[in-house]
Amino acid sequence: MSAPVSGSASRPSPPSPPSLPSPAGSRAPAPTSAELLDFVRRTAADADLVASLPLDPQGRTWVRLDGPGGSEAWLIGWPPGTGTGWHDHAESVGAFTTALGTLKENCLAARLPTDGWKTLELTEGIDRERLLPAGRGRAFGRNHVHEVFNQSRTDHAVSVHAYYPPLPRIRRYSRTGDVLRLEHVERPEDWQ
């Protein structure tokens, strides 16, 4: 891994450029969600790296990491009670693993339309939740709608995330009962 870039607040810095062609002129194969999961698990097990993340009691902190195969990767610190809100990572596949503490993920077990809608009424039975203590993680496919948060009242959590391709956009949602509403779309230029 190269030297990480640190930040704070809730918006990531711009995505890294796509992977470059190999010397033979062909691109290396894109990493799969399983390969991303393997990477985040191995990275989360690096106690020195995890301990190097500056933690802020007021907001999330992060450092950018070099992910496999040109993927975008992050080490993220979560103060007690912080979370992402409902969102997806558009066309990117991804994975994350908790390195310290416990994170909770709420997600929708349904494939939603990707574009052309502002409000959806969700059907019963599509909500899923999972607790991810240190060492546990998960991979996910394209257009995976979820929210992640640290529900502890006293302890920070730290996690490692990776996405491929590097995030082309993030769609942010609000949810009231069974109604999911697209609020806005963030693109890499919004993070600069």
C-alpha atoms as a PDB file:
ATOM      1  CA  MET A   1       0.000   0.000   0.000  1.00  0.00           C
ATOM      2  CA  SER A   2       1.147   3.508  -0.664  1.00  0.00           C
ATOM      3  CA  ALA A   3       0.956   6.303   1.860  1.00  0.00           C
ATOM      4  CA  PRO A   4      -2.657   6.903   2.817  1.00  0.00           C
ATOM      5  CA  VAL A   5      -4.385  10.232   2.388  1.00  0.00           C
ATOM      6  CA  SER A   6      -6.401  11.313   5.414  1.00  0.00           C
ATOM      7  CA  GLY A   7      -9.573  13.325   5.740  1.00  0.00           C
ATOM      8  CA  SER A   8     -12.614  13.921   7.853  1.00  0.00           C
ATOM      9  CA  ALA A   9     -16.327  14.688   7.413  1.00  0.00           C
ATOM     10  CA  SER A  10     -18.643  12.477   5.428  1.00  0.00           C
ATOM     11  CA  ARG A  11     -17.628  13.029   1.804  1.00  0.00           C
ATOM     12  CA  PRO A  12     -14.822  11.028   0.206  1.00  0.00           C
ATOM     13  CA  SER A  13     -12.067  12.612  -1.842  1.00  0.00           C
ATOM     14  CA  PRO A  14     -12.055  12.056  -5.610  1.00  0.00           C
ATOM     15  CA  PRO A  15     -11.803   8.474  -6.852  1.00  0.00           C
ATOM     16  CA  SER A  16      -8.463   7.235  -8.116  1.00  0.00           C
ATOM     17  CA  PRO A  17      -7.957   6.739 -11.856  1.00  0.00           C
ATOM     18  CA  PRO A  18      -8.854   3.379 -13.413  1.00  0.00           C
ATOM     19  CA  SER A  19      -6.181   0.702 -13.621  1.00  0.00           C
ATOM     20  CA  LEU A  20      -3.625   1.177 -16.361  1.00  0.00           C
ATOM     21  CA  PRO A  21      -3.030  -1.324 -19.153  1.00  0.00           C
ATOM     22  CA  SER A  22      -0.498  -4.044 -18.408  1.00  0.00           C
ATOM     23  CA  PRO A  23       2.837  -3.983 -20.260  1.00  0.00           C
ATOM     24  CA  ALA A  24       1.394  -6.390 -22.833  1.00  0.00           C
ATOM     25  CA  GLY A  25      -1.280  -3.773 -23.612  1.00  0.00           C
ATOM     26  CA  SER A  26      -4.253  -5.581 -22.088  1.00  0.00           C
ATOM     27  CA  ARG A  27      -6.010  -4.549 -18.895  1.00  0.00           C
ATOM     28  CA  ALA A  28      -5.730  -6.698 -15.824  1.00  0.00           C
ATOM     29  CA  PRO A  29      -9.079  -8.303 -14.992  1.00  0.00           C
ATOM     30  CA  ALA A  30     -11.309  -6.257 -12.733  1.00  0.00           C
ATOM     31  CA  PRO A  31     -11.333  -7.464  -9.140  1.00  0.00           C
ATOM     32  CA  THR A  32     -14.444  -9.384  -8.142  1.00  0.00           C
ATOM     33  CA  SER A  33     -16.449  -8.639  -5.012  1.00  0.00           C
ATOM     34  CA  ALA A  34     -14.920 -11.812  -3.481  1.00  0.00           C
ATOM     35  CA  GLU A  35     -11.402 -10.493  -4.178  1.00  0.00           C
ATOM     36  CA  LEU A  36     -12.360  -7.138  -2.673  1.00  0.00           C
ATOM     37  CA  LEU A  37     -13.681  -8.940   0.406  1.00  0.00           C
ATOM     38  CA  ASP A  38     -10.397 -10.831   0.743  1.00  0.00           C
ATOM     39  CA  PHE A  39      -8.498  -7.528   0.490  1.00  0.00           C
ATOM     40  CA  VAL A  40     -10.598  -5.717   3.123  1.00  0.00           C
ATOM     41  CA  ARG A  41     -10.329  -8.684   5.500  1.00  0.00           C
ATOM     42  CA  ARG A  42      -6.544  -8.825   5.182  1.00  0.00           C
ATOM     43  CA  THR A  43      -6.266  -5.050   5.550  1.00  0.00           C
ATOM     44  CA  ALA A  44      -8.577  -4.977   8.597  1.00  0.00           C
ATOM     45  CA  ALA A  45      -6.304  -7.551  10.260  1.00  0.00           C
ATOM     46  CA  ASP A  46      -3.349  -5.114  10.044  1.00  0.00           C
ATOM     47  CA  ALA A  47      -3.442  -3.841  13.639  1.00  0.00           C
ATOM     48  CA  ASP A  48      -0.757  -1.200  13.035  1.00  0.00           C
ATOM     49  CA  LEU A  49      -2.657   0.292  10.089  1.00  0.00           C
ATOM     50  CA  VAL A  50      -5.947   0.311  12.023  1.00  0.00           C
ATOM     51  CA  ALA A  51      -4.264   1.947  15.039  1.00  0.00           C
ATOM     52  CA  SER A  52      -2.744   4.648  12.791  1.00  0.00           C
ATOM     53  CA  LEU A  53      -6.162   6.071  11.849  1.00  0.00           C
ATOM     54  CA  PRO A  54      -6.781   9.355  13.663  1.00  0.00           C
ATOM     55  CA  LEU A  55     -10.165   9.180  15.395  1.00  0.00           C
ATOM     56  CA  ASP A  56     -12.359  12.245  15.881  1.00  0.00           C
ATOM     57  CA  PRO A  57     -15.197  12.174  18.445  1.00  0.00           C
ATOM     58  CA  GLN A  58     -17.265  14.561  16.291  1.00  0.00           C
ATOM     59  CA  GLY A  59     -17.193  12.975  12.832  1.00  0.00           C
ATOM     60  CA  ARG A  60     -15.989  10.162  10.661  1.00  0.00           C
ATOM     61  CA  THR A  61     -12.345  10.122   9.602  1.00  0.00           C
ATOM     62  CA  TRP A  62     -10.678   8.201   6.820  1.00  0.00           C
ATOM     63  CA  VAL A  63      -7.516   7.422   4.924  1.00  0.00           C
ATOM     64  CA  ARG A  64      -7.415   6.424   1.295  1.00  0.00           C
ATOM     65  CA  LEU A  65      -5.690   3.106   0.526  1.00  0.00           C
ATOM     66  CA  ASP A  66      -4.491   1.463  -2.658  1.00  0.00           C
ATOM     67  CA  GLY A  67      -6.948  -1.311  -3.427  1.00  0.00           C
ATOM     68  CA  PRO A  68      -6.338  -4.316  -5.673  1.00  0.00           C
ATOM     69  CA  GLY A  69      -6.625  -4.001  -9.449  1.00  0.00           C
ATOM     70  CA  GLY A  70      -7.268  -0.247  -9.479  1.00  0.00           C
ATOM     71  CA  SER A  71     -10.067  -0.400  -6.922  1.00  0.00           C
ATOM     72  CA  GLU A  72     -10.842   2.437  -4.534  1.00  0.00           C
ATOM     73  CA  ALA A  73     -10.265   1.592  -0.863  1.00  0.00           C
ATOM     74  CA  TRP A  74     -10.764   3.395   2.451  1.00  0.00           C
ATOM     75  CA  LEU A  75      -9.985   2.924   6.134  1.00  0.00           C
ATOM     76  CA  ILE A  76     -12.855   4.667   7.970  1.00  0.00           C
ATOM     77  CA  GLY A  77     -13.300   5.640  11.622  1.00  0.00           C
ATOM     78  CA  TRP A  78     -16.839   5.829  13.010  1.00  0.00           C
ATOM     79  CA  PRO A  79     -17.475   7.757  16.247  1.00  0.00           C
ATOM     80  CA  PRO A  80     -20.313   6.465  18.434  1.00  0.00           C
ATOM     81  CA  GLY A  81     -23.706   7.022  16.835  1.00  0.00           C
ATOM     82  CA  THR A  82     -22.504   7.934  13.324  1.00  0.00           C
ATOM     83  CA  GLY A  83     -23.670   6.427  10.050  1.00  0.00           C
ATOM     84  CA  THR A  84     -23.972   6.853   6.318  1.00  0.00           C
ATOM     85  CA  GLY A  85     -27.696   7.159   5.719  1.00  0.00           C
ATOM     86  CA  TRP A  86     -29.309   5.176   2.895  1.00  0.00           C
ATOM     87  CA  HIS A  87     -27.195   5.095  -0.272  1.00  0.00           C
ATOM     88  CA  ASP A  88     -25.814   2.898  -3.023  1.00  0.00           C
ATOM     89  CA  HIS A  89     -22.553   2.810  -4.956  1.00  0.00           C
ATOM     90  CA  ALA A  90     -24.177   2.721  -8.406  1.00  0.00           C
ATOM     91  CA  GLU A  91     -22.281   0.494 -10.837  1.00  0.00           C
ATOM     92  CA  SER A  92     -19.510  -0.461  -8.409  1.00  0.00           C
ATOM     93  CA  VAL A  93     -19.222  -3.794  -6.636  1.00  0.00           C
ATOM     94  CA  GLY A  94     -17.771  -3.597  -3.162  1.00  0.00           C
ATOM     95  CA  ALA A  95     -16.903  -5.097   0.180  1.00  0.00           C
ATOM     96  CA  PHE A  96     -16.254  -3.941   3.718  1.00  0.00           C
ATOM     97  CA  THR A  97     -15.033  -5.483   6.951  1.00  0.00           C
ATOM     98  CA  THR A  98     -15.149  -4.164  10.489  1.00  0.00           C
ATOM     99  CA  ALA A  99     -11.648  -3.885  11.958  1.00  0.00           C
ATOM    100  CA  LEU A 100     -12.563  -2.513  15.409  1.00  0.00           C
ATOM    101  CA  GLY A 101     -15.881  -2.319  17.246  1.00  0.00           C
ATOM    102  CA  THR A 102     -19.174  -3.354  15.646  1.00  0.00           C
ATOM    103  CA  LEU A 103     -21.040  -1.896  12.681  1.00  0.00           C
ATOM    104  CA  LYS A 104     -24.654  -2.502  11.754  1.00  0.00           C
ATOM    105  CA  GLU A 105     -25.822  -2.694   8.160  1.00  0.00           C
ATOM    106  CA  ASN A 106     -29.430  -2.322   7.057  1.00  0.00           C
ATOM    107  CA  CYS A 107     -29.992  -3.215   3.428  1.00  0.00           C
ATOM    108  CA  LEU A 108     -32.688  -4.017   0.913  1.00  0.00           C
ATOM    109  CA  ALA A 109     -32.800  -7.585  -0.408  1.00  0.00           C
ATOM    110  CA  ALA A 110     -34.293  -6.534  -3.725  1.00  0.00           C
ATOM    111  CA  ARG A 111     -32.896  -5.263  -6.981  1.00  0.00           C
ATOM    112  CA  LEU A 112     -34.167  -1.723  -7.491  1.00  0.00           C
ATOM    113  CA  PRO A 113     -34.420   0.070 -10.810  1.00  0.00           C
ATOM    114  CA  THR A 114     -31.128   1.840 -11.437  1.00  0.00           C
ATOM    115  CA  ASP A 115     -32.344   5.113 -12.923  1.00  0.00           C
ATOM    116  CA  GLY A 116     -35.451   7.039 -13.885  1.00  0.00           C
ATOM    117  CA  TRP A 117     -37.269   7.098 -10.552  1.00  0.00           C
ATOM    118  CA  LYS A 118     -37.548   9.459  -7.599  1.00  0.00           C
ATOM    119  CA  THR A 119     -39.823   7.534  -5.205  1.00  0.00           C
ATOM    120  CA  LEU A 120     -40.393   3.798  -4.700  1.00  0.00           C
ATOM    121  CA  GLU A 121     -42.812   1.995  -2.443  1.00  0.00           C
ATOM    122  CA  LEU A 122     -40.963  -0.986  -0.988  1.00  0.00           C
ATOM    123  CA  THR A 123     -42.643  -4.346  -0.534  1.00  0.00           C
ATOM    124  CA  GLU A 124     -42.733  -6.251   2.737  1.00  0.00           C
ATOM    125  CA  GLY A 125     -39.947  -8.648   3.554  1.00  0.00           C
ATOM    126  CA  ILE A 126     -37.077  -6.970   1.709  1.00  0.00           C
ATOM    127  CA  ASP A 127     -35.388  -5.440   4.754  1.00  0.00           C
ATOM    128  CA  ARG A 128     -32.272  -7.173   6.028  1.00  0.00           C
ATOM    129  CA  GLU A 129     -29.988  -6.246   8.893  1.00  0.00           C
ATOM    130  CA  ARG A 130     -26.712  -7.655  10.110  1.00  0.00           C
ATOM    131  CA  LEU A 131     -24.269  -6.888  12.856  1.00  0.00           C
ATOM    132  CA  LEU A 132     -20.647  -6.962  11.797  1.00  0.00           C
ATOM    133  CA  PRO A 133     -18.269  -7.213  14.780  1.00  0.00           C
ATOM    134  CA  ALA A 134     -14.506  -6.940  14.294  1.00  0.00           C
ATOM    135  CA  GLY A 135     -13.311  -9.459  11.720  1.00  0.00           C
ATOM    136  CA  ARG A 136     -16.690  -9.813   9.990  1.00  0.00           C
ATOM    137  CA  GLY A 137     -17.463  -8.328   6.617  1.00  0.00           C
ATOM    138  CA  ARG A 138     -19.505  -8.690   3.494  1.00  0.00           C
ATOM    139  CA  ALA A 139     -19.329  -8.252  -0.240  1.00  0.00           C
ATOM    140  CA  PHE A 140     -22.076  -6.744  -2.374  1.00  0.00           C
ATOM    141  CA  GLY A 141     -22.994  -6.262  -6.004  1.00  0.00           C
ATOM    142  CA  ARG A 142     -23.921  -3.283  -8.127  1.00  0.00           C
ATOM    143  CA  ASN A 143     -26.779  -0.998  -7.017  1.00  0.00           C
ATOM    144  CA  HIS A 144     -26.774  -2.393  -3.455  1.00  0.00           C
ATOM    145  CA  VAL A 145     -28.887  -0.022  -1.316  1.00  0.00           C
ATOM    146  CA  HIS A 146     -27.840   0.070   2.321  1.00  0.00           C
ATOM    147  CA  GLU A 147     -26.978   2.155   5.360  1.00  0.00           C
ATOM    148  CA  VAL A 148     -24.101   1.442   7.729  1.00  0.00           C
ATOM    149  CA  PHE A 149     -23.706   2.816  11.232  1.00  0.00           C
ATOM    150  CA  ASN A 150     -21.984   2.477  14.560  1.00  0.00           C
ATOM    151  CA  GLN A 151     -24.779   2.085  17.092  1.00  0.00           C
ATOM    152  CA  SER A 152     -22.428   2.071  20.099  1.00  0.00           C
ATOM    153  CA  ARG A 153     -22.932   4.958  22.501  1.00  0.00           C
ATOM    154  CA  THR A 154     -19.359   4.851  23.779  1.00  0.00           C
ATOM    155  CA  ASP A 155     -16.930   3.154  21.381  1.00  0.00           C
ATOM    156  CA  HIS A 156     -15.469   4.027  17.997  1.00  0.00           C
ATOM    157  CA  ALA A 157     -15.604   1.497  15.185  1.00  0.00           C
ATOM    158  CA  VAL A 158     -13.118   1.219  12.311  1.00  0.00           C
ATOM    159  CA  SER A 159     -13.716  -0.484   8.973  1.00  0.00           C
ATOM    160  CA  VAL A 160     -12.063  -1.093   5.607  1.00  0.00           C
ATOM    161  CA  HIS A 161     -14.018  -0.610   2.351  1.00  0.00           C
ATOM    162  CA  ALA A 162     -13.146  -1.288  -1.309  1.00  0.00           C
ATOM    163  CA  TYR A 163     -15.062  -0.577  -4.542  1.00  0.00           C
ATOM    164  CA  TYR A 164     -14.554  -1.370  -8.204  1.00  0.00           C
ATOM    165  CA  PRO A 165     -14.749   0.445 -10.425  1.00  0.00           C
ATOM    166  CA  PRO A 166     -13.750   3.467  -8.352  1.00  0.00           C
ATOM    167  CA  LEU A 167     -16.982   5.167  -7.353  1.00  0.00           C
ATOM    168  CA  PRO A 168     -18.594   6.749 -10.437  1.00  0.00           C
ATOM    169  CA  ARG A 169     -21.406   8.150  -8.299  1.00  0.00           C
ATOM    170  CA  ILE A 170     -23.222   7.653  -5.016  1.00  0.00           C
ATOM    171  CA  ARG A 171     -26.992   7.921  -4.885  1.00  0.00           C
ATOM    172  CA  ARG A 172     -28.340   9.153  -1.533  1.00  0.00           C
ATOM    173  CA  TYR A 173     -31.838   8.231  -0.337  1.00  0.00           C
ATOM    174  CA  SER A 174     -34.243   9.084   2.433  1.00  0.00           C
ATOM    175  CA  ARG A 175     -36.616   6.515   3.814  1.00  0.00           C
ATOM    176  CA  THR A 176     -39.942   6.941   5.574  1.00  0.00           C
ATOM    177  CA  GLY A 177     -41.646   3.637   6.354  1.00  0.00           C
ATOM    178  CA  ASP A 178     -41.911   1.716   3.082  1.00  0.00           C
ATOM    179  CA  VAL A 179     -41.138   4.737   0.886  1.00  0.00           C
ATOM    180  CA  LEU A 180     -37.621   5.185  -0.465  1.00  0.00           C
ATOM    181  CA  ARG A 181     -36.918   8.556  -2.083  1.00  0.00           C
ATOM    182  CA  LEU A 182     -33.904   9.476  -4.196  1.00  0.00           C
ATOM    183  CA  GLU A 183     -32.601  12.729  -2.679  1.00  0.00           C
ATOM    184  CA  HIS A 184     -29.485  13.464  -4.722  1.00  0.00           C
ATOM    185  CA  VAL A 185     -26.647  11.982  -6.731  1.00  0.00           C
ATOM    186  CA  GLU A 186     -23.023  12.706  -5.902  1.00  0.00           C
ATOM    187  CA  ARG A 187     -20.368  12.446  -8.594  1.00  0.00           C
ATOM    188  CA  PRO A 188     -16.580  12.495  -8.227  1.00  0.00           C
ATOM    189  CA  GLU A 189     -16.396  16.204  -9.115  1.00  0.00           C
ATOM    190  CA  ASP A 190     -18.677  16.904  -6.105  1.00  0.00           C
ATOM    191  CA  TRP A 191     -15.997  15.489  -3.791  1.00  0.00           C
ATOM    192  CA  GLN A 192     -13.196  17.824  -4.939  1.00  0.00           C
END
